[in-house]
């Protein structure tokens, strides 16, 4: 069953665009070193030449977008503070730039350091 979601701005915003917004917002948080590759991203990279949604997963739900973001933090940061900052910044960025309601932002810390 296809879930219809309405946004307040442009109906032409796809998941790839939303993932780009999520990546930019998450990497803009102090303490985030970079977006991490999920194992499925690594597999997709082997099958296809490019994957622009690396480290971000998006699911559409009637309550809003469900977003998962996978990050590597800088060494010595407070992971709870960084995670909460990512959640807040991603939610605000997606809702203001894409116009979709965000139901949840799930942050997974994949590691710390370079």
PDB file of N, CA and C in Angstrom:
ATOM      1  N   UNK A   1       0.837  -1.172   0.000  1.00  0.00           N
ATOM      2  CA  UNK A   1       0.000   0.000   0.000  1.00  0.00           C
ATOM      3  C   UNK A   1       0.887   1.244   0.000  1.00  0.00           C
ATOM      4  N   UNK A   2       0.615   2.127  -0.914  1.00  0.00           N
ATOM      5  CA  UNK A   2       1.376   3.364  -1.007  1.00  0.00           C
ATOM      6  C   UNK A   2       0.793   4.395  -0.047  1.00  0.00           C
ATOM      7  N   UNK A   3       1.665   5.013   0.729  1.00  0.00           N
ATOM      8  CA  UNK A   3       1.222   6.010   1.702  1.00  0.00           C
ATOM      9  C   UNK A   3       1.322   7.390   1.073  1.00  0.00           C
ATOM     10  N   UNK A   4       0.231   8.092   1.063  1.00  0.00           N
ATOM     11  CA  UNK A   4       0.216   9.449   0.534  1.00  0.00           C
ATOM     12  C   UNK A   4       0.523  10.428   1.657  1.00  0.00           C
ATOM     13  N   UNK A   5       1.494  11.281   1.413  1.00  0.00           N
ATOM     14  CA  UNK A   5       1.839  12.317   2.382  1.00  0.00           C
ATOM     15  C   UNK A   5       1.797  13.653   1.683  1.00  0.00           C
ATOM     16  N   UNK A   6       1.286  14.615   2.363  1.00  0.00           N
ATOM     17  CA  UNK A   6       1.256  15.957   1.813  1.00  0.00           C
ATOM     18  C   UNK A   6       2.337  16.788   2.466  1.00  0.00           C
ATOM     19  N   UNK A   7       2.938  17.661   1.663  1.00  0.00           N
ATOM     20  CA  UNK A   7       3.873  18.605   2.246  1.00  0.00           C
ATOM     21  C   UNK A   7       3.358  20.009   1.980  1.00  0.00           C
ATOM     22  N   UNK A   8       3.919  20.974   2.675  1.00  0.00           N
ATOM     23  CA  UNK A   8       3.423  22.334   2.598  1.00  0.00           C
ATOM     24  C   UNK A   8       4.030  23.139   1.462  1.00  0.00           C
ATOM     25  N   UNK A   9       5.054  22.602   0.794  1.00  0.00           N
ATOM     26  CA  UNK A   9       5.741  23.386  -0.218  1.00  0.00           C
ATOM     27  C   UNK A   9       5.639  22.721  -1.584  1.00  0.00           C
ATOM     28  N   UNK A  10       6.607  21.928  -1.958  1.00  0.00           N
ATOM     29  CA  UNK A  10       6.671  21.360  -3.302  1.00  0.00           C
ATOM     30  C   UNK A  10       6.346  19.878  -3.296  1.00  0.00           C
ATOM     31  N   UNK A  11       5.443  19.445  -4.179  1.00  0.00           N
ATOM     32  CA  UNK A  11       5.129  18.019  -4.251  1.00  0.00           C
ATOM     33  C   UNK A  11       6.226  17.206  -4.934  1.00  0.00           C
ATOM     34  N   UNK A  12       7.233  17.863  -5.486  1.00  0.00           N
ATOM     35  CA  UNK A  12       8.279  17.179  -6.239  1.00  0.00           C
ATOM     36  C   UNK A  12       9.512  16.850  -5.412  1.00  0.00           C
ATOM     37  N   UNK A  13       9.432  16.904  -4.113  1.00  0.00           N
ATOM     38  CA  UNK A  13      10.570  16.592  -3.254  1.00  0.00           C
ATOM     39  C   UNK A  13      10.594  15.092  -2.998  1.00  0.00           C
ATOM     40  N   UNK A  14      11.692  14.442  -3.438  1.00  0.00           N
ATOM     41  CA  UNK A  14      11.784  12.994  -3.270  1.00  0.00           C
ATOM     42  C   UNK A  14      12.683  12.639  -2.080  1.00  0.00           C
ATOM     43  N   UNK A  15      12.805  11.352  -1.805  1.00  0.00           N
ATOM     44  CA  UNK A  15      13.587  10.884  -0.662  1.00  0.00           C
ATOM     45  C   UNK A  15      15.061  11.242  -0.780  1.00  0.00           C
ATOM     46  N   UNK A  16      15.580  11.274  -1.997  1.00  0.00           N
ATOM     47  CA  UNK A  16      16.976  11.641  -2.204  1.00  0.00           C
ATOM     48  C   UNK A  16      17.232  13.079  -1.749  1.00  0.00           C
ATOM     49  N   UNK A  17      16.312  13.964  -2.073  1.00  0.00           N
ATOM     50  CA  UNK A  17      16.446  15.365  -1.656  1.00  0.00           C
ATOM     51  C   UNK A  17      16.344  15.494  -0.145  1.00  0.00           C
ATOM     52  N   UNK A  18      15.413  14.763   0.437  1.00  0.00           N
ATOM     53  CA  UNK A  18      15.257  14.791   1.893  1.00  0.00           C
ATOM     54  C   UNK A  18      16.516  14.245   2.568  1.00  0.00           C
ATOM     55  N   UNK A  19      17.080  13.173   2.013  1.00  0.00           N
ATOM     56  CA  UNK A  19      18.308  12.599   2.570  1.00  0.00           C
ATOM     57  C   UNK A  19      19.459  13.598   2.511  1.00  0.00           C
ATOM     58  N   UNK A  20      19.511  14.387   1.451  1.00  0.00           N
ATOM     59  CA  UNK A  20      20.550  15.417   1.359  1.00  0.00           C
ATOM     60  C   UNK A  20      20.381  16.470   2.439  1.00  0.00           C
ATOM     61  N   UNK A  21      19.142  16.865   2.689  1.00  0.00           N
ATOM     62  CA  UNK A  21      18.854  17.834   3.750  1.00  0.00           C
ATOM     63  C   UNK A  21      19.270  17.257   5.100  1.00  0.00           C
ATOM     64  N   UNK A  22      18.927  15.996   5.334  1.00  0.00           N
ATOM     65  CA  UNK A  22      19.278  15.319   6.590  1.00  0.00           C
ATOM     66  C   UNK A  22      20.794  15.273   6.764  1.00  0.00           C
ATOM     67  N   UNK A  23      21.513  14.890   5.719  1.00  0.00           N
ATOM     68  CA  UNK A  23      22.975  14.802   5.793  1.00  0.00           C
ATOM     69  C   UNK A  23      23.603  16.146   6.110  1.00  0.00           C
ATOM     70  N   UNK A  24      23.152  17.190   5.424  1.00  0.00           N
ATOM     71  CA  UNK A  24      23.698  18.524   5.671  1.00  0.00           C
ATOM     72  C   UNK A  24      23.410  18.994   7.088  1.00  0.00           C
ATOM     73  N   UNK A  25      22.181  18.753   7.553  1.00  0.00           N
ATOM     74  CA  UNK A  25      21.818  19.181   8.904  1.00  0.00           C
ATOM     75  C   UNK A  25      22.634  18.427   9.952  1.00  0.00           C
ATOM     76  N   UNK A  26      22.750  17.112   9.786  1.00  0.00           N
ATOM     77  CA  UNK A  26      23.467  16.296  10.777  1.00  0.00           C
ATOM     78  C   UNK A  26      24.949  16.642  10.826  1.00  0.00           C
ATOM     79  N   UNK A  27      25.578  16.839   9.675  1.00  0.00           N
ATOM     80  CA  UNK A  27      27.004  17.148   9.672  1.00  0.00           C
ATOM     81  C   UNK A  27      27.279  18.569  10.154  1.00  0.00           C
ATOM     82  N   UNK A  28      26.242  19.388  10.225  1.00  0.00           N
ATOM     83  CA  UNK A  28      26.395  20.741  10.747  1.00  0.00           C
ATOM     84  C   UNK A  28      26.369  20.821  12.262  1.00  0.00           C
ATOM     85  N   UNK A  29      26.132  19.709  12.921  1.00  0.00           N
ATOM     86  CA  UNK A  29      26.083  19.674  14.385  1.00  0.00           C
ATOM     87  C   UNK A  29      27.507  19.521  14.925  1.00  0.00           C
ATOM     88  N   UNK A  30      27.852  20.348  15.905  1.00  0.00           N
ATOM     89  CA  UNK A  30      29.171  20.235  16.541  1.00  0.00           C
ATOM     90  C   UNK A  30      29.316  18.860  17.176  1.00  0.00           C
ATOM     91  N   UNK A  31      30.434  18.206  16.881  1.00  0.00           N
ATOM     92  CA  UNK A  31      30.690  16.885  17.433  1.00  0.00           C
ATOM     93  C   UNK A  31      30.485  15.767  16.431  1.00  0.00           C
ATOM     94  N   UNK A  32      29.878  16.070  15.286  1.00  0.00           N
ATOM     95  CA  UNK A  32      29.688  15.061  14.249  1.00  0.00           C
ATOM     96  C   UNK A  32      30.865  15.148  13.280  1.00  0.00           C
ATOM     97  N   UNK A  33      31.580  14.029  13.134  1.00  0.00           N
ATOM     98  CA  UNK A  33      32.719  14.000  12.214  1.00  0.00           C
ATOM     99  C   UNK A  33      32.234  13.795  10.776  1.00  0.00           C
ATOM    100  N   UNK A  34      31.310  12.836  10.606  1.00  0.00           N
ATOM    101  CA  UNK A  34      30.791  12.559   9.260  1.00  0.00           C
ATOM    102  C   UNK A  34      29.605  11.617   9.337  1.00  0.00           C
ATOM    103  N   UNK A  35      28.927  11.477   8.216  1.00  0.00           N
ATOM    104  CA  UNK A  35      27.842  10.507   8.087  1.00  0.00           C
ATOM    105  C   UNK A  35      28.491   9.152   7.838  1.00  0.00           C
ATOM    106  N   UNK A  36      27.959   8.120   8.445  1.00  0.00           N
ATOM    107  CA  UNK A  36      28.510   6.777   8.311  1.00  0.00           C
ATOM    108  C   UNK A  36      27.787   6.017   7.207  1.00  0.00           C
ATOM    109  N   UNK A  37      28.493   5.102   6.581  1.00  0.00           N
ATOM    110  CA  UNK A  37      27.860   4.203   5.628  1.00  0.00           C
ATOM    111  C   UNK A  37      27.202   3.067   6.391  1.00  0.00           C
ATOM    112  N   UNK A  38      25.949   2.792   6.040  1.00  0.00           N
ATOM    113  CA  UNK A  38      25.304   1.599   6.576  1.00  0.00           C
ATOM    114  C   UNK A  38      25.766   0.415   5.737  1.00  0.00           C
ATOM    115  N   UNK A  39      25.647  -0.786   6.226  1.00  0.00           N
ATOM    116  CA  UNK A  39      26.074  -1.969   5.481  1.00  0.00           C
ATOM    117  C   UNK A  39      25.324  -2.076   4.163  1.00  0.00           C
ATOM    118  N   UNK A  40      24.040  -1.719   4.150  1.00  0.00           N
ATOM    119  CA  UNK A  40      23.272  -1.772   2.904  1.00  0.00           C
ATOM    120  C   UNK A  40      23.776  -0.732   1.909  1.00  0.00           C
ATOM    121  N   UNK A  41      24.277   0.404   2.401  1.00  0.00           N
ATOM    122  CA  UNK A  41      24.870   1.407   1.510  1.00  0.00           C
ATOM    123  C   UNK A  41      26.102   0.837   0.831  1.00  0.00           C
ATOM    124  N   UNK A  42      26.912   0.108   1.598  1.00  0.00           N
ATOM    125  CA  UNK A  42      28.128  -0.476   1.042  1.00  0.00           C
ATOM    126  C   UNK A  42      27.783  -1.506  -0.031  1.00  0.00           C
ATOM    127  N   UNK A  43      26.745  -2.295   0.198  1.00  0.00           N
ATOM    128  CA  UNK A  43      26.308  -3.284  -0.789  1.00  0.00           C
ATOM    129  C   UNK A  43      25.779  -2.573  -2.032  1.00  0.00           C
ATOM    130  N   UNK A  44      24.969  -1.535  -1.838  1.00  0.00           N
ATOM    131  CA  UNK A  44      24.415  -0.785  -2.966  1.00  0.00           C
ATOM    132  C   UNK A  44      25.519  -0.113  -3.775  1.00  0.00           C
ATOM    133  N   UNK A  45      26.565   0.349  -3.120  1.00  0.00           N
ATOM    134  CA  UNK A  45      27.691   0.959  -3.831  1.00  0.00           C
ATOM    135  C   UNK A  45      28.354  -0.054  -4.765  1.00  0.00           C
ATOM    136  N   UNK A  46      28.363  -1.311  -4.365  1.00  0.00           N
ATOM    137  CA  UNK A  46      28.959  -2.348  -5.214  1.00  0.00           C
ATOM    138  C   UNK A  46      28.071  -2.626  -6.431  1.00  0.00           C
ATOM    139  N   UNK A  47      26.751  -2.519  -6.238  1.00  0.00           N
ATOM    140  CA  UNK A  47      25.812  -2.830  -7.317  1.00  0.00           C
ATOM    141  C   UNK A  47      25.577  -1.656  -8.263  1.00  0.00           C
ATOM    142  N   UNK A  48      25.566  -0.449  -7.721  1.00  0.00           N
ATOM    143  CA  UNK A  48      25.283   0.742  -8.505  1.00  0.00           C
ATOM    144  C   UNK A  48      26.460   1.705  -8.406  1.00  0.00           C
ATOM    145  N   UNK A  49      26.562   2.579  -9.375  1.00  0.00           N
ATOM    146  CA  UNK A  49      27.684   3.509  -9.404  1.00  0.00           C
ATOM    147  C   UNK A  49      27.602   4.582  -8.337  1.00  0.00           C
ATOM    148  N   UNK A  50      26.404   5.037  -8.003  1.00  0.00           N
ATOM    149  CA  UNK A  50      26.288   6.132  -7.033  1.00  0.00           C
ATOM    150  C   UNK A  50      25.108   5.888  -6.104  1.00  0.00           C
ATOM    151  N   UNK A  51      25.282   6.273  -4.859  1.00  0.00           N
ATOM    152  CA  UNK A  51      24.206   6.238  -3.872  1.00  0.00           C
ATOM    153  C   UNK A  51      24.263   7.555  -3.111  1.00  0.00           C
ATOM    154  N   UNK A  52      23.252   8.376  -3.289  1.00  0.00           N
ATOM    155  CA  UNK A  52      23.294   9.705  -2.676  1.00  0.00           C
ATOM    156  C   UNK A  52      22.653   9.731  -1.297  1.00  0.00           C
ATOM    157  N   UNK A  53      22.072   8.619  -0.873  1.00  0.00           N
ATOM    158  CA  UNK A  53      21.408   8.604   0.428  1.00  0.00           C
ATOM    159  C   UNK A  53      22.238   7.850   1.462  1.00  0.00           C
ATOM    160  N   UNK A  54      23.530   7.890   1.316  1.00  0.00           N
ATOM    161  CA  UNK A  54      24.410   7.167   2.232  1.00  0.00           C
ATOM    162  C   UNK A  54      24.230   7.644   3.661  1.00  0.00           C
ATOM    163  N   UNK A  55      24.056   6.693   4.569  1.00  0.00           N
ATOM    164  CA  UNK A  55      23.956   7.023   5.974  1.00  0.00           C
ATOM    165  C   UNK A  55      22.618   7.564   6.414  1.00  0.00           C
ATOM    166  N   UNK A  56      21.639   7.570   5.540  1.00  0.00           N
ATOM    167  CA  UNK A  56      20.310   8.086   5.876  1.00  0.00           C
ATOM    168  C   UNK A  56      19.259   7.116   5.356  1.00  0.00           C
ATOM    169  N   UNK A  57      18.281   6.818   6.177  1.00  0.00           N
ATOM    170  CA  UNK A  57      17.160   5.985   5.771  1.00  0.00           C
ATOM    171  C   UNK A  57      15.879   6.764   6.053  1.00  0.00           C
ATOM    172  N   UNK A  58      14.953   6.735   5.114  1.00  0.00           N
ATOM    173  CA  UNK A  58      13.702   7.477   5.261  1.00  0.00           C
ATOM    174  C   UNK A  58      12.532   6.543   5.000  1.00  0.00           C
ATOM    175  N   UNK A  59      11.552   6.585   5.875  1.00  0.00           N
ATOM    176  CA  UNK A  59      10.312   5.841   5.686  1.00  0.00           C
ATOM    177  C   UNK A  59       9.148   6.814   5.837  1.00  0.00           C
ATOM    178  N   UNK A  60       8.145   6.622   5.014  1.00  0.00           N
ATOM    179  CA  UNK A  60       6.970   7.493   5.067  1.00  0.00           C
ATOM    180  C   UNK A  60       5.875   6.808   5.870  1.00  0.00           C
ATOM    181  N   UNK A  61       5.299   7.544   6.791  1.00  0.00           N
ATOM    182  CA  UNK A  61       4.271   7.055   7.696  1.00  0.00           C
ATOM    183  C   UNK A  61       3.157   8.089   7.703  1.00  0.00           C
ATOM    184  N   UNK A  62       1.909   7.693   7.925  1.00  0.00           N
ATOM    185  CA  UNK A  62       0.843   8.701   7.979  1.00  0.00           C
ATOM    186  C   UNK A  62       1.103   9.801   9.020  1.00  0.00           C
ATOM    187  N   UNK A  63       1.846   9.490  10.072  1.00  0.00           N
ATOM    188  CA  UNK A  63       2.142  10.494  11.105  1.00  0.00           C
ATOM    189  C   UNK A  63       3.266  11.438  10.678  1.00  0.00           C
ATOM    190  N   UNK A  64       3.999  11.077   9.642  1.00  0.00           N
ATOM    191  CA  UNK A  64       5.110  11.897   9.163  1.00  0.00           C
ATOM    192  C   UNK A  64       6.283  11.030   8.762  1.00  0.00           C
ATOM    193  N   UNK A  65       7.379  11.672   8.420  1.00  0.00           N
ATOM    194  CA  UNK A  65       8.573  10.942   8.014  1.00  0.00           C
ATOM    195  C   UNK A  65       9.261  10.311   9.221  1.00  0.00           C
ATOM    196  N   UNK A  66       9.727   9.098   9.027  1.00  0.00           N
ATOM    197  CA  UNK A  66      10.563   8.420  10.010  1.00  0.00           C
ATOM    198  C   UNK A  66      11.964   8.453   9.410  1.00  0.00           C
ATOM    199  N   UNK A  67      12.909   9.064  10.123  1.00  0.00           N
ATOM    200  CA  UNK A  67      14.251   9.260   9.599  1.00  0.00           C
ATOM    201  C   UNK A  67      15.266   8.574  10.505  1.00  0.00           C
ATOM    202  N   UNK A  68      16.177   7.841   9.886  1.00  0.00           N
ATOM    203  CA  UNK A  68      17.307   7.245  10.592  1.00  0.00           C
ATOM    204  C   UNK A  68      18.565   7.858  10.006  1.00  0.00           C
ATOM    205  N   UNK A  69      19.455   8.304  10.865  1.00  0.00           N
ATOM    206  CA  UNK A  69      20.721   8.870  10.409  1.00  0.00           C
ATOM    207  C   UNK A  69      21.858   8.193  11.173  1.00  0.00           C
ATOM    208  N   UNK A  70      22.862   7.766  10.429  1.00  0.00           N
ATOM    209  CA  UNK A  70      23.992   7.014  10.965  1.00  0.00           C
ATOM    210  C   UNK A  70      25.220   7.917  10.913  1.00  0.00           C
ATOM    211  N   UNK A  71      25.840   8.178  12.066  1.00  0.00           N
ATOM    212  CA  UNK A  71      26.943   9.138  12.118  1.00  0.00           C
ATOM    213  C   UNK A  71      28.163   8.584  12.841  1.00  0.00           C
ATOM    214  N   UNK A  72      29.299   9.206  12.545  1.00  0.00           N
ATOM    215  CA  UNK A  72      30.541   9.002  13.271  1.00  0.00           C
ATOM    216  C   UNK A  72      30.793  10.308  14.018  1.00  0.00           C
ATOM    217  N   UNK A  73      31.024  10.232  15.317  1.00  0.00           N
ATOM    218  CA  UNK A  73      31.251  11.449  16.098  1.00  0.00           C
ATOM    219  C   UNK A  73      32.743  11.729  16.223  1.00  0.00           C
ATOM    220  N   UNK A  74      33.045  12.938  16.635  1.00  0.00           N
ATOM    221  CA  UNK A  74      34.423  13.286  16.954  1.00  0.00           C
ATOM    222  C   UNK A  74      34.766  12.660  18.302  1.00  0.00           C
ATOM    223  N   UNK A  75      36.047  12.387  18.547  1.00  0.00           N
ATOM    224  CA  UNK A  75      36.431  11.772  19.823  1.00  0.00           C
ATOM    225  C   UNK A  75      36.108  12.675  21.020  1.00  0.00           C
ATOM    226  N   UNK A  76      35.637  12.065  22.096  1.00  0.00           N
ATOM    227  CA  UNK A  76      35.457  12.774  23.357  1.00  0.00           C
ATOM    228  C   UNK A  76      34.199  13.616  23.484  1.00  0.00           C
ATOM    229  N   UNK A  77      33.239  13.466  22.579  1.00  0.00           N
ATOM    230  CA  UNK A  77      32.018  14.269  22.679  1.00  0.00           C
ATOM    231  C   UNK A  77      30.984  13.574  23.558  1.00  0.00           C
ATOM    232  N   UNK A  78      30.047  14.352  24.063  1.00  0.00           N
ATOM    233  CA  UNK A  78      28.925  13.809  24.829  1.00  0.00           C
ATOM    234  C   UNK A  78      27.907  13.281  23.805  1.00  0.00           C
ATOM    235  N   UNK A  79      27.821  11.979  23.696  1.00  0.00           N
ATOM    236  CA  UNK A  79      26.998  11.354  22.663  1.00  0.00           C
ATOM    237  C   UNK A  79      25.521  11.706  22.819  1.00  0.00           C
ATOM    238  N   UNK A  80      25.034  11.786  24.035  1.00  0.00           N
ATOM    239  CA  UNK A  80      23.628  12.120  24.260  1.00  0.00           C
ATOM    240  C   UNK A  80      23.323  13.532  23.777  1.00  0.00           C
ATOM    241  N   UNK A  81      24.178  14.489  24.110  1.00  0.00           N
ATOM    242  CA  UNK A  81      23.978  15.878  23.658  1.00  0.00           C
ATOM    243  C   UNK A  81      24.055  15.981  22.139  1.00  0.00           C
ATOM    244  N   UNK A  82      25.027  15.298  21.545  1.00  0.00           N
ATOM    245  CA  UNK A  82      25.170  15.334  20.084  1.00  0.00           C
ATOM    246  C   UNK A  82      23.945  14.706  19.423  1.00  0.00           C
ATOM    247  N   UNK A  83      23.486  13.576  19.938  1.00  0.00           N
ATOM    248  CA  UNK A  83      22.315  12.897  19.367  1.00  0.00           C
ATOM    249  C   UNK A  83      21.067  13.777  19.433  1.00  0.00           C
ATOM    250  N   UNK A  84      20.842  14.414  20.569  1.00  0.00           N
ATOM    251  CA  UNK A  84      19.680  15.302  20.714  1.00  0.00           C
ATOM    252  C   UNK A  84      19.785  16.504  19.774  1.00  0.00           C
ATOM    253  N   UNK A  85      20.994  17.033  19.622  1.00  0.00           N
ATOM    254  CA  UNK A  85      21.194  18.165  18.713  1.00  0.00           C
ATOM    255  C   UNK A  85      20.926  17.751  17.265  1.00  0.00           C
ATOM    256  N   UNK A  86      21.354  16.541  16.891  1.00  0.00           N
ATOM    257  CA  UNK A  86      21.089  16.030  15.545  1.00  0.00           C
ATOM    258  C   UNK A  86      19.582  15.891  15.328  1.00  0.00           C
ATOM    259  N   UNK A  87      18.890  15.295  16.302  1.00  0.00           N
ATOM    260  CA  UNK A  87      17.444  15.114  16.177  1.00  0.00           C
ATOM    261  C   UNK A  87      16.737  16.443  15.950  1.00  0.00           C
ATOM    262  N   UNK A  88      17.080  17.421  16.761  1.00  0.00           N
ATOM    263  CA  UNK A  88      16.427  18.728  16.668  1.00  0.00           C
ATOM    264  C   UNK A  88      16.735  19.411  15.334  1.00  0.00           C
ATOM    265  N   UNK A  89      18.021  19.425  14.957  1.00  0.00           N
ATOM    266  CA  UNK A  89      18.425  20.136  13.743  1.00  0.00           C
ATOM    267  C   UNK A  89      17.854  19.474  12.491  1.00  0.00           C
ATOM    268  N   UNK A  90      17.845  18.145  12.445  1.00  0.00           N
ATOM    269  CA  UNK A  90      17.291  17.425  11.294  1.00  0.00           C
ATOM    270  C   UNK A  90      15.794  17.675  11.180  1.00  0.00           C
ATOM    271  N   UNK A  91      15.079  17.601  12.295  1.00  0.00           N
ATOM    272  CA  UNK A  91      13.624  17.821  12.279  1.00  0.00           C
ATOM    273  C   UNK A  91      13.296  19.221  11.760  1.00  0.00           C
ATOM    274  N   UNK A  92      13.964  20.226  12.297  1.00  0.00           N
ATOM    275  CA  UNK A  92      13.717  21.605  11.880  1.00  0.00           C
ATOM    276  C   UNK A  92      14.063  21.798  10.401  1.00  0.00           C
ATOM    277  N   UNK A  93      15.202  21.253   9.974  1.00  0.00           N
ATOM    278  CA  UNK A  93      15.644  21.421   8.586  1.00  0.00           C
ATOM    279  C   UNK A  93      14.675  20.774   7.602  1.00  0.00           C
ATOM    280  N   UNK A  94      14.265  19.546   7.870  1.00  0.00           N
ATOM    281  CA  UNK A  94      13.368  18.843   6.947  1.00  0.00           C
ATOM    282  C   UNK A  94      11.998  19.511   6.913  1.00  0.00           C
ATOM    283  N   UNK A  95      11.476  19.869   8.077  1.00  0.00           N
ATOM    284  CA  UNK A  95      10.155  20.494   8.094  1.00  0.00           C
ATOM    285  C   UNK A  95      10.156  21.865   7.427  1.00  0.00           C
ATOM    286  N   UNK A  96      11.227  22.632   7.610  1.00  0.00           N
ATOM    287  CA  UNK A  96      11.247  23.971   7.017  1.00  0.00           C
ATOM    288  C   UNK A  96      11.647  23.954   5.543  1.00  0.00           C
ATOM    289  N   UNK A  97      12.560  23.084   5.142  1.00  0.00           N
ATOM    290  CA  UNK A  97      13.028  23.069   3.760  1.00  0.00           C
ATOM    291  C   UNK A  97      12.169  22.212   2.834  1.00  0.00           C
ATOM    292  N   UNK A  98      11.724  21.056   3.326  1.00  0.00           N
ATOM    293  CA  UNK A  98      10.948  20.145   2.479  1.00  0.00           C
ATOM    294  C   UNK A  98       9.455  20.267   2.712  1.00  0.00           C
ATOM    295  N   UNK A  99       9.074  20.759   3.879  1.00  0.00           N
ATOM    296  CA  UNK A  99       7.659  20.940   4.169  1.00  0.00           C
ATOM    297  C   UNK A  99       6.944  19.691   4.648  1.00  0.00           C
ATOM    298  N   UNK A 100       7.680  18.620   4.909  1.00  0.00           N
ATOM    299  CA  UNK A 100       7.068  17.398   5.422  1.00  0.00           C
ATOM    300  C   UNK A 100       7.094  17.390   6.942  1.00  0.00           C
ATOM    301  N   UNK A 101       6.058  16.838   7.551  1.00  0.00           N
ATOM    302  CA  UNK A 101       6.034  16.627   8.997  1.00  0.00           C
ATOM    303  C   UNK A 101       6.995  15.492   9.320  1.00  0.00           C
ATOM    304  N   UNK A 102       7.804  15.651  10.360  1.00  0.00           N
ATOM    305  CA  UNK A 102       8.737  14.608  10.790  1.00  0.00           C
ATOM    306  C   UNK A 102       8.195  13.975  12.070  1.00  0.00           C
ATOM    307  N   UNK A 103       7.946  12.675  12.008  1.00  0.00           N
ATOM    308  CA  UNK A 103       7.426  11.955  13.165  1.00  0.00           C
ATOM    309  C   UNK A 103       8.547  11.561  14.127  1.00  0.00           C
ATOM    310  N   UNK A 104       9.712  11.178  13.571  1.00  0.00           N
ATOM    311  CA  UNK A 104      10.828  10.745  14.426  1.00  0.00           C
ATOM    312  C   UNK A 104      12.151  10.862  13.682  1.00  0.00           C
ATOM    313  N   UNK A 105      13.179  11.209  14.445  1.00  0.00           N
ATOM    314  CA  UNK A 105      14.552  11.194  13.935  1.00  0.00           C
ATOM    315  C   UNK A 105      15.333  10.270  14.858  1.00  0.00           C
ATOM    316  N   UNK A 106      15.773   9.154  14.303  1.00  0.00           N
ATOM    317  CA  UNK A 106      16.527   8.163  15.058  1.00  0.00           C
ATOM    318  C   UNK A 106      17.995   8.294  14.700  1.00  0.00           C
ATOM    319  N   UNK A 107      18.839   8.454  15.703  1.00  0.00           N
ATOM    320  CA  UNK A 107      20.272   8.648  15.490  1.00  0.00           C
ATOM    321  C   UNK A 107      21.000   7.400  15.946  1.00  0.00           C
ATOM    322  N   UNK A 108      21.854   6.907  15.078  1.00  0.00           N
ATOM    323  CA  UNK A 108      22.684   5.759  15.450  1.00  0.00           C
ATOM    324  C   UNK A 108      24.137   6.184  15.344  1.00  0.00           C
ATOM    325  N   UNK A 109      24.828   6.137  16.465  1.00  0.00           N
ATOM    326  CA  UNK A 109      26.249   6.453  16.490  1.00  0.00           C
ATOM    327  C   UNK A 109      27.007   5.187  16.093  1.00  0.00           C
ATOM    328  N   UNK A 110      27.664   5.233  14.960  1.00  0.00           N
ATOM    329  CA  UNK A 110      28.364   4.074  14.420  1.00  0.00           C
ATOM    330  C   UNK A 110      29.794   3.976  14.908  1.00  0.00           C
ATOM    331  N   UNK A 111      30.304   5.069  15.469  1.00  0.00           N
ATOM    332  CA  UNK A 111      31.670   5.044  15.952  1.00  0.00           C
ATOM    333  C   UNK A 111      32.119   6.442  16.326  1.00  0.00           C
ATOM    334  N   UNK A 112      33.357   6.531  16.785  1.00  0.00           N
ATOM    335  CA  UNK A 112      33.904   7.801  17.188  1.00  0.00           C
ATOM    336  C   UNK A 112      35.322   7.923  16.681  1.00  0.00           C
ATOM    337  N   UNK A 113      35.670   9.092  16.212  1.00  0.00           N
ATOM    338  CA  UNK A 113      37.018   9.317  15.726  1.00  0.00           C
ATOM    339  C   UNK A 113      37.114   9.242  14.234  1.00  0.00           C
ATOM    340  N   UNK A 114      38.341   9.234  13.753  1.00  0.00           N
ATOM    341  CA  UNK A 114      38.576   9.251  12.299  1.00  0.00           C
ATOM    342  C   UNK A 114      38.524   7.918  11.728  1.00  0.00           C
TER     343      UNK A 114
END
